[in-house]
Amino acid sequence: NNNNNNDTKGKQQQQVPSSEQEEVKDQEGEIDESFPGYSDETIASLSKIAGEMISGGYESECCQVYIISRRNAFEEVRKKLGLERISIDDMVLKVQWETLAANMIPAWINTLKQCAAVYFPGERKLAEAVFASCPSVAAGLFGSLSRGVVIQLLNFAEGAAMTKRAAEKLFKLLAMYETLREIIPKVNGLFPEESVEELKTEMNIAKSRLGEAAISIFCDLENQIKQETARTAVPGGAVHPLTRYIMNYLSVAGDYKETLEQVFKDHSKIERADSTSRPHNENDGVPEKQASSPFAAQVLRVMDLLDSSLEGKGRLYKDVALSNFFMMNNGRYILQKIKGSSEMSQVMGDTWIRKKSSELRTYHKNYQRETWNRVLQFLNPEGLNVNGKVQKPVLKERFKSFNSLFDEIHRTQSSWVVKDEQLQSELRVSISGVVVPAYRAFIGRFAQIFDPGRQTEKYIKYQPEDIETYIDELFEGKPHQSIARRRTELTFNQ
């Protein structure tokens, strides 16, 4: 009768030891390798009780008590591993992404790995030991328990994939994708044969959802570049915040290169099956070898858009030299980020790297022409000699023009910004290599034309070493005082 059944259930619930009492405790965040941690004597006792209940016609009650007990055991495991129980709706609508990213997703990844390594094998072993006299009952109970746990974990993955798309979510979703990819091949050995295919299908669906979310987020980089329409030039021709953001993002994406290639490849299969998708042979101008990777093609599209955006931002500068300086500065940052990641170097390819290097040389030459070639024209000896005699008024004008222009360039370009120390050094060395020898030669040839003393000091304001010192003050992003004013104050103070 019902009263007897209820009494039996109550007794059994008291006799099944809780994992909280007998589970061997391990470090925080891990399941002890001996999970579920029951002694041989306890398991023998449970097996005997289960056998008697089943033979006495209480199989349903026995199974119900066992399921409740083992579900409670999983709840203890889940709490120990730091994974909160949360609905998909709450994940999507209520929980802040920062909380998910910092705590819940790492806990989910750890829980899934711990379940595959310890929890599922432990529960299977326990069920088979307790219900040794009825293997089919053991398989059914373990199948029911494991399916409940898997679905709970997969619901979390589905919820994460359904949260609002945002760039910062990409790498956490990819980490979840990788965890499922790692676990799925182990499914055959983890679960009863009759539930393997169903669980594998559910896990693959969740993995695909994570992959689709990752694709959507990564492809949204295009929109972020297009939407960056600031009409104010970055001070000092510095690396643009958009350049830093996109390149740092791609650098991290390089760490997930294999995963992203797989995700894009799988996604492109779905896309090709859709009649509204772009034709499969459309490569958007991407080299054939690289177009074979949908991920590489997408990265190249992002890079092309970034280049176009920077060209537009470069045109905001009225100074042609500064415009070329800006393009060189940003191009160098882009190239260094690509070359600094072996994965992204593979994605972009040697041809792209050579082309980008060539573009940088062109911007450098243009900058040099617009700035320092103007300086060098005042150090040209042509036109100074007439009938074998140096024209002193013309020479004075040359020195005055050189001094004025060099002072202006120094004052202006000291506030230009190069954070890359190597590029900063290369530019200074390059400029010094052109200007200092020309200036030294010019002085060596014409200094004696001036009367010693005040006339020499008036027109020959700098020694070659001074020029080198002042060039080494360029590109620090902090305006220096005019050289002329600095020299005047120094003289006055003396």
Protein backbone atom coordinates (compact mmCIF):
# COMPACT_ATOMS: atom_id res chain seq x y z
CA ASN A 1 0.00 0.00 0.00
CA ASN A 2 0.96 3.66 -0.31
CA ASN A 3 1.87 4.05 3.34
CA ASN A 4 4.25 1.12 3.18
CA ASN A 5 5.78 2.48 -0.01
CA ASN A 6 6.34 5.88 1.56
CA ASP A 7 7.90 4.27 4.66
CA THR A 8 10.22 2.27 2.41
CA LYS A 9 11.25 5.38 0.48
CA GLY A 10 11.98 7.21 3.71
CA LYS A 11 14.13 4.40 5.04
CA GLN A 12 16.03 4.12 1.80
CA GLN A 13 16.69 7.86 1.66
CA GLN A 14 18.20 7.58 5.14
CA GLN A 15 20.31 4.53 4.25
CA VAL A 16 21.79 5.87 0.96
CA PRO A 17 24.84 7.81 2.26
CA SER A 18 25.17 11.33 0.99
CA SER A 19 28.29 12.23 -0.94
CA GLU A 20 28.65 15.18 1.42
CA GLN A 21 29.30 12.71 4.27
CA GLU A 22 31.56 10.25 2.49
CA GLU A 23 33.07 11.96 -0.56
CA VAL A 24 36.80 12.42 -0.11
CA LYS A 25 37.35 16.15 -0.28
CA ASP A 26 39.87 17.52 -2.76
CA GLN A 27 41.23 20.95 -3.55
CA GLU A 28 38.69 23.63 -4.38
CA GLY A 29 37.63 23.51 -8.01
CA GLU A 30 38.40 19.85 -8.66
CA ILE A 31 36.59 16.55 -8.20
CA ASP A 32 38.57 14.01 -6.22
CA GLU A 33 39.83 11.18 -8.41
CA SER A 34 38.12 8.70 -6.06
CA PHE A 35 34.68 10.21 -6.76
CA PRO A 36 32.03 9.30 -5.61
CA GLY A 37 34.20 8.26 -2.67
CA TYR A 38 32.17 5.45 -1.10
CA SER A 39 33.93 2.60 0.67
CA ASP A 40 33.67 -0.96 -0.62
CA GLU A 41 31.59 -1.86 2.43
CA THR A 42 29.11 0.94 1.73
CA ILE A 43 28.76 -0.05 -1.93
CA ALA A 44 28.27 -3.73 -0.95
CA SER A 45 25.54 -2.67 1.46
CA LEU A 46 23.83 -0.49 -1.17
CA SER A 47 24.03 -3.27 -3.72
CA LYS A 48 22.40 -5.69 -1.31
CA ILE A 49 19.60 -3.22 -0.50
CA ALA A 50 19.00 -2.48 -4.19
CA GLY A 51 18.88 -6.19 -5.05
CA GLU A 52 16.36 -6.92 -2.30
CA MET A 53 14.15 -3.96 -3.27
CA ILE A 54 14.11 -4.91 -6.94
CA SER A 55 13.38 -8.59 -6.23
CA GLY A 56 10.69 -7.48 -3.75
CA GLY A 57 8.86 -5.44 -6.41
CA TYR A 58 10.17 -2.01 -5.40
CA GLU A 59 12.32 -1.31 -8.44
CA SER A 60 10.58 2.00 -9.21
CA GLU A 61 10.97 3.28 -5.64
CA CYS A 62 14.57 2.14 -5.44
CA CYS A 63 15.43 3.88 -8.70
CA GLN A 64 13.66 7.05 -7.64
CA VAL A 65 15.59 7.26 -4.37
CA TYR A 66 18.86 6.55 -6.18
CA ILE A 67 18.21 9.22 -8.82
CA ILE A 68 17.34 11.84 -6.18
CA SER A 69 20.46 11.03 -4.18
CA ARG A 70 22.77 11.17 -7.18
CA ARG A 71 21.21 14.38 -8.51
CA ASN A 72 21.91 15.93 -5.13
CA ALA A 73 25.47 14.65 -5.42
CA PHE A 74 25.86 16.46 -8.76
CA GLU A 75 24.52 19.66 -7.22
CA GLU A 76 27.29 19.40 -4.61
CA VAL A 77 29.84 18.84 -7.38
CA ARG A 78 28.48 21.79 -9.35
CA LYS A 79 28.69 24.09 -6.32
CA LYS A 80 32.19 22.89 -5.51
CA LEU A 81 33.30 23.72 -9.04
CA GLY A 82 31.73 27.18 -8.75
CA LEU A 83 29.10 26.78 -11.48
CA GLU A 84 25.85 28.53 -10.63
CA ARG A 85 22.59 27.00 -11.74
CA ILE A 86 21.03 29.51 -14.10
CA SER A 87 18.29 29.51 -16.72
CA ILE A 88 18.85 30.47 -20.35
CA ASP A 89 16.47 33.44 -19.92
CA ASP A 90 18.44 34.76 -16.96
CA MET A 91 21.72 34.38 -18.84
CA VAL A 92 20.40 36.31 -21.81
CA LEU A 93 18.46 39.00 -19.95
CA LYS A 94 19.81 39.45 -16.43
CA VAL A 95 23.40 38.38 -15.90
CA GLN A 96 26.13 40.89 -16.76
CA TRP A 97 28.60 39.59 -19.35
CA GLU A 98 31.50 40.53 -17.04
CA THR A 99 30.17 38.04 -14.47
CA LEU A 100 29.78 35.36 -17.11
CA ALA A 101 33.24 35.94 -18.54
CA ALA A 102 35.12 36.24 -15.25
CA ASN A 103 33.43 33.51 -13.22
CA MET A 104 30.71 31.45 -14.81
CA ILE A 105 32.21 30.51 -18.18
CA PRO A 106 35.56 29.41 -16.68
CA ALA A 107 33.57 27.40 -14.10
CA TRP A 108 31.48 25.84 -16.90
CA ILE A 109 34.59 24.86 -18.86
CA ASN A 110 36.15 23.34 -15.75
CA THR A 111 32.92 21.53 -14.82
CA LEU A 112 32.53 19.99 -18.28
CA LYS A 113 36.14 18.79 -18.27
CA GLN A 114 35.86 17.46 -14.71
CA CYS A 115 32.61 15.69 -15.55
CA ALA A 116 34.18 13.95 -18.53
CA ALA A 117 37.33 13.01 -16.61
CA VAL A 118 35.91 12.08 -13.19
CA TYR A 119 32.17 12.58 -12.62
CA PHE A 120 30.67 10.50 -15.47
CA PRO A 121 33.12 7.57 -15.09
CA GLY A 122 32.55 7.66 -11.31
CA GLU A 123 28.75 7.68 -11.63
CA ARG A 124 28.86 4.88 -14.20
CA LYS A 125 31.06 2.76 -11.95
CA LEU A 126 28.81 3.43 -8.95
CA ALA A 127 25.59 2.52 -10.81
CA GLU A 128 27.13 -0.68 -12.18
CA ALA A 129 28.35 -1.64 -8.68
CA VAL A 130 25.13 -0.83 -6.80
CA PHE A 131 22.92 -2.51 -9.43
CA ALA A 132 25.33 -5.31 -10.27
CA SER A 133 22.47 -7.83 -10.29
CA CYS A 134 20.54 -5.76 -12.88
CA PRO A 135 22.88 -4.27 -15.54
CA SER A 136 19.95 -2.90 -17.55
CA VAL A 137 18.73 -0.93 -14.53
CA ALA A 138 22.28 0.38 -13.95
CA ALA A 139 22.55 1.50 -17.59
CA GLY A 140 19.14 3.16 -17.48
CA LEU A 141 19.87 5.05 -14.27
CA PHE A 142 23.29 6.22 -15.41
CA GLY A 143 21.84 7.19 -18.80
CA SER A 144 19.11 9.28 -17.13
CA LEU A 145 21.54 10.94 -14.70
CA SER A 146 24.18 11.72 -17.28
CA ARG A 147 21.66 13.05 -19.79
CA GLY A 148 20.25 15.45 -17.17
CA VAL A 149 23.72 16.75 -16.35
CA VAL A 150 24.73 17.09 -20.01
CA ILE A 151 21.53 18.95 -20.94
CA GLN A 152 22.01 21.30 -17.98
CA LEU A 153 25.55 22.08 -19.13
CA LEU A 154 24.50 22.44 -22.77
CA ASN A 155 21.71 24.84 -21.79
CA PHE A 156 24.41 27.06 -20.31
CA ALA A 157 26.30 26.95 -23.63
CA GLU A 158 23.13 27.77 -25.56
CA GLY A 159 22.46 30.70 -23.23
CA ALA A 160 25.99 32.05 -23.72
CA ALA A 161 25.58 31.79 -27.50
CA MET A 162 22.27 33.67 -27.32
CA THR A 163 23.57 36.66 -25.37
CA LYS A 164 23.80 39.93 -27.24
CA ARG A 165 26.65 39.96 -29.76
CA ALA A 166 29.70 41.96 -28.65
CA ALA A 167 33.33 41.83 -29.72
CA GLU A 168 34.68 41.08 -26.24
CA LYS A 169 32.64 37.85 -26.10
CA LEU A 170 34.36 36.14 -29.02
CA PHE A 171 37.25 34.51 -27.20
CA LYS A 172 35.18 33.15 -24.30
CA LEU A 173 32.72 31.60 -26.77
CA LEU A 174 35.62 30.08 -28.69
CA ALA A 175 37.04 28.64 -25.46
CA MET A 176 33.64 27.00 -24.81
CA TYR A 177 33.57 25.75 -28.41
CA GLU A 178 37.03 24.21 -27.99
CA THR A 179 35.97 22.49 -24.76
CA LEU A 180 32.98 20.86 -26.44
CA ARG A 181 35.15 19.90 -29.42
CA GLU A 182 37.55 18.22 -27.01
CA ILE A 183 34.80 16.34 -25.14
CA ILE A 184 32.62 15.12 -28.04
CA PRO A 185 35.07 12.44 -29.31
CA LYS A 186 35.07 10.96 -25.78
CA VAL A 187 31.28 10.54 -25.69
CA ASN A 188 31.33 6.94 -26.95
CA GLY A 189 33.35 5.83 -23.94
CA LEU A 190 31.45 7.91 -21.41
CA PHE A 191 27.79 7.05 -21.84
CA PRO A 192 25.59 3.99 -22.40
CA GLU A 193 25.40 2.95 -26.04
CA GLU A 194 21.69 3.73 -26.34
CA SER A 195 22.17 7.40 -25.31
CA VAL A 196 25.47 8.13 -27.09
CA GLU A 197 24.06 9.31 -30.41
CA GLU A 198 21.43 11.54 -28.81
CA LEU A 199 23.96 13.20 -26.48
CA LYS A 200 26.50 13.57 -29.27
CA THR A 201 23.86 15.28 -31.42
CA GLU A 202 22.90 17.64 -28.59
CA MET A 203 26.55 18.52 -27.97
CA ASN A 204 27.21 19.13 -31.65
CA ILE A 205 24.16 21.42 -31.85
CA ALA A 206 25.44 23.44 -28.89
CA LYS A 207 28.91 23.58 -30.43
CA SER A 208 27.43 24.82 -33.73
CA ARG A 209 25.47 27.54 -31.92
CA LEU A 210 28.67 28.74 -30.25
CA GLY A 211 30.43 28.62 -33.61
CA GLU A 212 27.70 30.62 -35.35
CA ALA A 213 27.79 33.24 -32.57
CA ALA A 214 31.59 33.46 -32.92
CA ILE A 215 31.30 33.90 -36.70
CA SER A 216 28.74 36.67 -36.27
CA ILE A 217 30.92 38.51 -33.74
CA PHE A 218 34.10 38.20 -35.80
CA CYS A 219 32.40 39.35 -39.00
CA ASP A 220 31.04 42.37 -37.11
CA LEU A 221 34.59 43.76 -37.07
CA GLU A 222 33.77 45.00 -40.57
CA ASN A 223 30.87 47.09 -39.21
CA GLN A 224 32.98 48.46 -36.36
CA ILE A 225 35.50 49.78 -38.89
CA LYS A 226 32.78 51.22 -41.14
CA GLN A 227 31.06 52.91 -38.20
CA GLU A 228 34.25 54.64 -37.00
CA THR A 229 33.67 57.93 -38.76
CA ALA A 230 35.48 60.40 -36.49
CA ARG A 231 36.32 63.54 -38.47
CA THR A 232 39.09 64.73 -36.17
CA ALA A 233 42.68 63.84 -36.97
CA VAL A 234 44.66 62.03 -34.25
CA PRO A 235 47.15 64.55 -32.77
CA GLY A 236 50.74 64.13 -33.90
CA GLY A 237 50.03 61.49 -36.53
CA ALA A 238 49.93 58.82 -33.79
CA VAL A 239 48.65 55.28 -34.18
CA HIS A 240 44.87 55.57 -34.37
CA PRO A 241 42.83 53.92 -31.55
CA LEU A 242 40.93 51.94 -34.22
CA THR A 243 44.23 50.54 -35.52
CA ARG A 244 45.27 49.47 -32.04
CA TYR A 245 41.88 47.91 -31.32
CA ILE A 246 41.60 45.93 -34.55
CA MET A 247 45.21 44.73 -34.53
CA ASN A 248 45.19 43.70 -30.88
CA TYR A 249 41.92 41.89 -31.53
CA LEU A 250 43.41 40.05 -34.49
CA SER A 251 46.53 39.21 -32.49
CA VAL A 252 44.40 37.43 -29.88
CA ALA A 253 42.34 35.85 -32.68
CA GLY A 254 45.62 34.37 -33.92
CA ASP A 255 45.76 32.28 -30.74
CA TYR A 256 42.48 30.70 -31.87
CA LYS A 257 43.50 30.39 -35.54
CA GLU A 258 42.85 26.65 -35.91
CA THR A 259 39.51 26.92 -34.14
CA LEU A 260 38.42 29.95 -36.17
CA GLU A 261 39.45 28.24 -39.40
CA GLN A 262 37.34 25.22 -38.46
CA VAL A 263 34.39 27.39 -37.41
CA PHE A 264 34.53 29.44 -40.62
CA LYS A 265 34.91 26.30 -42.72
CA ASP A 266 31.87 24.66 -41.11
CA HIS A 267 29.90 27.89 -41.37
CA SER A 268 30.74 28.32 -45.05
CA LYS A 269 29.28 24.86 -45.73
CA ILE A 270 26.01 26.04 -44.18
CA GLU A 271 26.25 29.33 -46.10
CA ARG A 272 26.80 27.58 -49.46
CA ALA A 273 23.72 25.46 -48.85
CA ASP A 274 21.73 28.67 -48.55
CA SER A 275 20.68 30.06 -51.94
CA THR A 276 20.85 33.61 -50.60
CA SER A 277 24.54 33.32 -49.67
CA ARG A 278 27.35 34.74 -51.79
CA PRO A 279 28.54 32.55 -54.70
CA HIS A 280 31.22 30.06 -53.64
CA ASN A 281 33.66 31.26 -56.29
CA GLU A 282 33.53 34.90 -55.20
CA ASN A 283 36.89 35.64 -53.61
CA ASP A 284 36.66 39.40 -53.17
CA GLY A 285 40.05 39.84 -54.77
CA VAL A 286 41.70 37.48 -52.27
CA PRO A 287 44.57 35.39 -53.66
CA GLU A 288 43.39 31.91 -54.63
CA LYS A 289 45.57 30.09 -52.10
CA GLN A 290 44.32 32.20 -49.21
CA ALA A 291 40.73 32.24 -50.45
CA SER A 292 40.67 28.49 -49.80
CA SER A 293 40.39 29.45 -46.10
CA PRO A 294 37.16 31.36 -45.38
CA PHE A 295 38.75 32.67 -42.18
CA ALA A 296 41.76 34.08 -44.07
CA ALA A 297 39.43 35.68 -46.60
CA GLN A 298 37.48 37.36 -43.78
CA VAL A 299 40.67 38.63 -42.10
CA LEU A 300 41.86 40.07 -45.41
CA ARG A 301 38.53 41.85 -45.85
CA VAL A 302 38.95 43.36 -42.38
CA MET A 303 42.50 44.47 -43.21
CA ASP A 304 41.39 46.04 -46.51
CA LEU A 305 38.64 47.94 -44.72
CA LEU A 306 41.09 49.13 -42.06
CA ASP A 307 43.49 50.33 -44.77
CA SER A 308 40.70 52.25 -46.50
CA SER A 309 39.57 53.76 -43.19
CA LEU A 310 43.12 54.88 -42.39
CA GLU A 311 43.55 56.42 -45.83
CA GLY A 312 40.44 58.51 -45.16
CA LYS A 313 41.77 59.51 -41.74
CA GLY A 314 45.15 60.38 -43.30
CA ARG A 315 43.41 62.88 -45.58
CA LEU A 316 42.20 64.81 -42.51
CA TYR A 317 45.71 66.22 -42.09
CA LYS A 318 46.38 69.42 -44.02
CA ASP A 319 50.13 68.80 -43.81
CA VAL A 320 51.10 66.28 -46.52
CA ALA A 321 54.20 65.25 -44.57
CA LEU A 322 52.11 64.55 -41.47
CA SER A 323 49.57 62.60 -43.53
CA ASN A 324 52.32 60.31 -44.84
CA PHE A 325 53.83 60.11 -41.35
CA PHE A 326 50.44 58.98 -39.98
CA MET A 327 50.09 56.29 -42.64
CA MET A 328 53.65 55.11 -42.03
CA ASN A 329 53.13 55.05 -38.25
CA ASN A 330 49.87 53.08 -38.47
CA GLY A 331 51.17 50.80 -41.21
CA ARG A 332 54.23 49.96 -39.12
CA TYR A 333 52.01 49.11 -36.13
CA ILE A 334 49.86 46.85 -38.32
CA LEU A 335 52.88 45.09 -39.82
CA GLN A 336 54.56 44.56 -36.45
CA LYS A 337 51.39 43.06 -34.98
CA ILE A 338 51.05 40.64 -37.90
CA LYS A 339 54.72 39.66 -37.86
CA GLY A 340 54.59 39.30 -34.07
CA SER A 341 52.02 36.50 -34.40
CA SER A 342 53.17 33.43 -36.31
CA GLU A 343 49.52 32.43 -36.75
CA MET A 344 48.44 35.75 -38.24
CA SER A 345 51.57 35.81 -40.41
CA GLN A 346 50.42 32.51 -41.89
CA VAL A 347 46.93 33.88 -42.43
CA MET A 348 48.12 37.04 -44.19
CA GLY A 349 50.91 35.35 -46.14
CA ASP A 350 54.32 36.52 -47.38
CA THR A 351 52.86 38.36 -50.39
CA TRP A 352 50.75 40.61 -48.15
CA ILE A 353 53.69 41.24 -45.80
CA ARG A 354 55.96 42.24 -48.72
CA LYS A 355 53.25 44.52 -50.13
CA LYS A 356 52.70 46.21 -46.76
CA SER A 357 56.47 46.67 -46.31
CA SER A 358 56.64 48.28 -49.76
CA GLU A 359 53.79 50.65 -48.84
CA LEU A 360 55.65 51.70 -45.69
CA ARG A 361 58.78 52.50 -47.68
CA THR A 362 56.67 54.65 -50.01
CA TYR A 363 55.12 56.59 -47.08
CA HIS A 364 58.60 57.04 -45.61
CA LYS A 365 59.97 58.41 -48.89
CA ASN A 366 57.00 60.76 -49.25
CA TYR A 367 57.48 62.03 -45.69
CA GLN A 368 61.20 62.52 -46.29
CA ARG A 369 60.57 64.34 -49.55
CA GLU A 370 57.96 66.67 -48.06
CA THR A 371 60.10 67.49 -45.02
CA TRP A 372 63.82 66.96 -45.31
CA ASN A 373 64.27 67.44 -49.05
CA ARG A 374 63.08 71.00 -48.44
CA VAL A 375 65.87 71.38 -45.89
CA LEU A 376 68.48 69.88 -48.19
CA GLN A 377 67.70 72.34 -50.97
CA PHE A 378 69.20 75.11 -48.81
CA LEU A 379 72.43 73.09 -48.48
CA ASN A 380 72.87 72.81 -52.25
CA PRO A 381 76.03 74.71 -53.37
CA GLU A 382 74.58 75.38 -56.81
CA GLY A 383 74.02 79.08 -57.53
CA LEU A 384 76.40 80.27 -54.81
CA ASN A 385 79.41 80.75 -57.10
CA VAL A 386 79.41 83.42 -59.80
CA ASN A 387 82.59 83.77 -61.82
CA GLY A 388 84.44 81.73 -59.20
CA LYS A 389 83.35 83.96 -56.32
CA VAL A 390 80.89 83.02 -53.57
CA GLN A 391 77.90 85.37 -53.44
CA LYS A 392 77.82 86.29 -49.77
CA PRO A 393 74.26 87.72 -49.71
CA VAL A 394 72.93 84.50 -51.29
CA LEU A 395 74.92 82.39 -48.78
CA LYS A 396 73.53 84.42 -45.88
CA GLU A 397 70.00 83.84 -47.19
CA ARG A 398 70.67 80.09 -47.49
CA PHE A 399 71.80 79.84 -43.88
CA LYS A 400 68.91 81.99 -42.67
CA SER A 401 66.40 79.84 -44.58
CA PHE A 402 68.00 76.63 -43.33
CA ASN A 403 67.97 77.83 -39.71
CA SER A 404 64.37 78.99 -39.91
CA LEU A 405 63.07 75.82 -41.59
CA PHE A 406 65.01 73.46 -39.31
CA ASP A 407 63.72 75.33 -36.26
CA GLU A 408 60.15 75.10 -37.58
CA ILE A 409 60.44 71.38 -38.34
CA HIS A 410 61.97 70.69 -34.94
CA ARG A 411 59.23 72.63 -33.16
CA THR A 412 56.47 70.94 -35.17
CA GLN A 413 57.71 67.36 -35.37
CA SER A 414 58.80 67.13 -31.74
CA SER A 415 55.07 66.87 -31.01
CA TRP A 416 54.54 64.11 -33.58
CA VAL A 417 54.14 60.72 -31.96
CA VAL A 418 56.02 57.47 -32.57
CA LYS A 419 55.55 54.99 -29.71
CA ASP A 420 57.42 52.21 -31.50
CA GLU A 421 60.97 52.74 -30.23
CA GLN A 422 62.48 50.87 -33.15
CA LEU A 423 60.64 52.99 -35.72
CA GLN A 424 61.48 56.14 -33.76
CA SER A 425 65.17 55.20 -33.81
CA GLU A 426 65.07 54.22 -37.50
CA LEU A 427 63.50 57.55 -38.45
CA ARG A 428 66.02 59.59 -36.47
CA VAL A 429 68.97 57.63 -37.87
CA SER A 430 67.55 57.96 -41.40
CA ILE A 431 67.06 61.73 -41.06
CA SER A 432 70.47 62.25 -39.46
CA GLY A 433 72.06 60.16 -42.19
CA VAL A 434 70.70 62.54 -44.82
CA VAL A 435 70.87 65.94 -43.13
CA VAL A 436 73.99 65.86 -40.93
CA PRO A 437 76.56 64.90 -43.63
CA ALA A 438 75.06 67.47 -46.05
CA TYR A 439 75.15 70.17 -43.37
CA ARG A 440 78.70 69.26 -42.32
CA ALA A 441 79.89 69.43 -45.93
CA PHE A 442 78.13 72.77 -46.50
CA ILE A 443 79.67 74.33 -43.40
CA GLY A 444 83.09 72.92 -44.20
CA ARG A 445 82.94 74.51 -47.62
CA PHE A 446 81.41 77.93 -46.82
CA ALA A 447 81.94 78.78 -43.11
CA GLN A 448 85.19 80.66 -43.80
CA ILE A 449 83.32 83.10 -46.06
CA PHE A 450 81.89 84.82 -42.99
CA ASP A 451 83.88 87.14 -40.80
CA PRO A 452 84.97 85.37 -37.61
CA GLY A 453 82.95 86.27 -34.52
CA ARG A 454 79.48 87.76 -34.56
CA GLN A 455 78.83 87.32 -38.28
CA THR A 456 79.65 83.61 -38.10
CA GLU A 457 77.49 83.20 -34.99
CA LYS A 458 74.60 85.06 -36.67
CA TYR A 459 74.37 82.76 -39.67
CA ILE A 460 75.94 79.47 -38.54
CA LYS A 461 73.72 78.84 -35.53
CA TYR A 462 74.21 75.08 -35.38
CA GLN A 463 77.16 72.76 -35.44
CA PRO A 464 76.59 69.33 -37.08
CA GLU A 465 76.47 67.76 -33.60
CA ASP A 466 73.68 70.19 -32.64
CA ILE A 467 71.64 69.11 -35.63
CA GLU A 468 72.01 65.46 -34.57
CA THR A 469 70.98 66.29 -30.99
CA TYR A 470 67.88 68.17 -32.13
CA ILE A 471 66.88 65.38 -34.52
CA ASP A 472 67.00 63.00 -31.53
CA GLU A 473 64.29 65.12 -29.89
CA LEU A 474 61.77 64.45 -32.67
CA PHE A 475 58.66 62.24 -32.43
CA GLU A 476 58.36 62.22 -28.64
CA GLY A 477 54.84 63.62 -28.67
CA LYS A 478 55.77 66.63 -26.52
CA PRO A 479 56.44 69.97 -28.18
CA HIS A 480 59.89 71.38 -27.50
CA GLN A 481 60.52 75.05 -27.23
CA SER A 482 61.69 76.72 -30.42
CA ILE A 483 65.46 76.21 -30.82
CA ALA A 484 65.92 79.88 -31.63
CA ARG A 485 64.08 80.92 -28.46
CA ARG A 486 65.95 78.33 -26.41
CA ARG A 487 69.29 79.66 -27.65
CA THR A 488 68.24 83.26 -27.00
CA GLU A 489 67.22 82.47 -23.39
CA LEU A 490 70.46 80.53 -22.86
CA THR A 491 72.49 83.55 -24.07
CA PHE A 492 70.45 85.93 -21.92
CA ASN A 493 70.90 83.76 -18.80
CA GLN A 494 74.61 83.62 -19.35
